[in-house]
């Protein structure tokens, strides 16, 4: 358990460092972490952070080892010096299995494809309010592969007068993001692409039968040197999870 807490702390510190020192036209979404156990199980999740970044996940296990997932995210954030708007939709197919003698851990692998668009505007103060300094507008596509490992704590924890299940885990993604269109201040500009390593850590606490609350934190690492499509945006969200059909 101490190792898990250390991993979460490491993710938090690294994410804060990236967020405070970098900016990018790509904002990663919260990946699906269904923790499927059996055929017929379903998964629904919704996540949000203080900037209003909304992420949603869906998933269904259609055999004892195969599942489909769908993810989406949307943000429309405004501040004194920057406006950032992005949507992203993706879907994937994967394999899952329950591991360990106690059957308390789940290993999942997914691969998929997505599309998205970003409008990113830098502003500066003026006598009339705030004027745009640079506008970056793009469409992009995404190919990803993902590995999840999650585990259920052996002993439930006492919280609010009830014993509750605690789950924790890690999702690591390798994502290739490629611009399909890029306009800088309304003028077509050179397209960029990047390959990101996106580690995410999550902790999930049972609220009621089927319902759980989840805290997620993570960041991304870009493998290519770009001016606009680069790392720097972290993931910090609080979410509500619903699993149904579990045997």
Foldseek 3Di string as FASTA:
>chain_A
DVVLVVVVVVFVVVLVVLQVPDDFQDADADDDDALDQAAAKKKWKWKADPQGKIKIKIKHRHGGWKIKMKMKIWGFGDDQFKTKTKIKIKIWMKTKYQDDPVSFKMKMKIKIKMKMKMWMFTWDQDPVGIDTDKIKIFIKMKIKIKMKMKGKDPFFDQDPNDGKIKMKIKMWMWMKIWTPFIDMVNHTDDTDIWIKIKMKIKMWIDDDVQKIKMWMWIFIATPDDDDHHGTRHIDTIIMMMGMDDHD
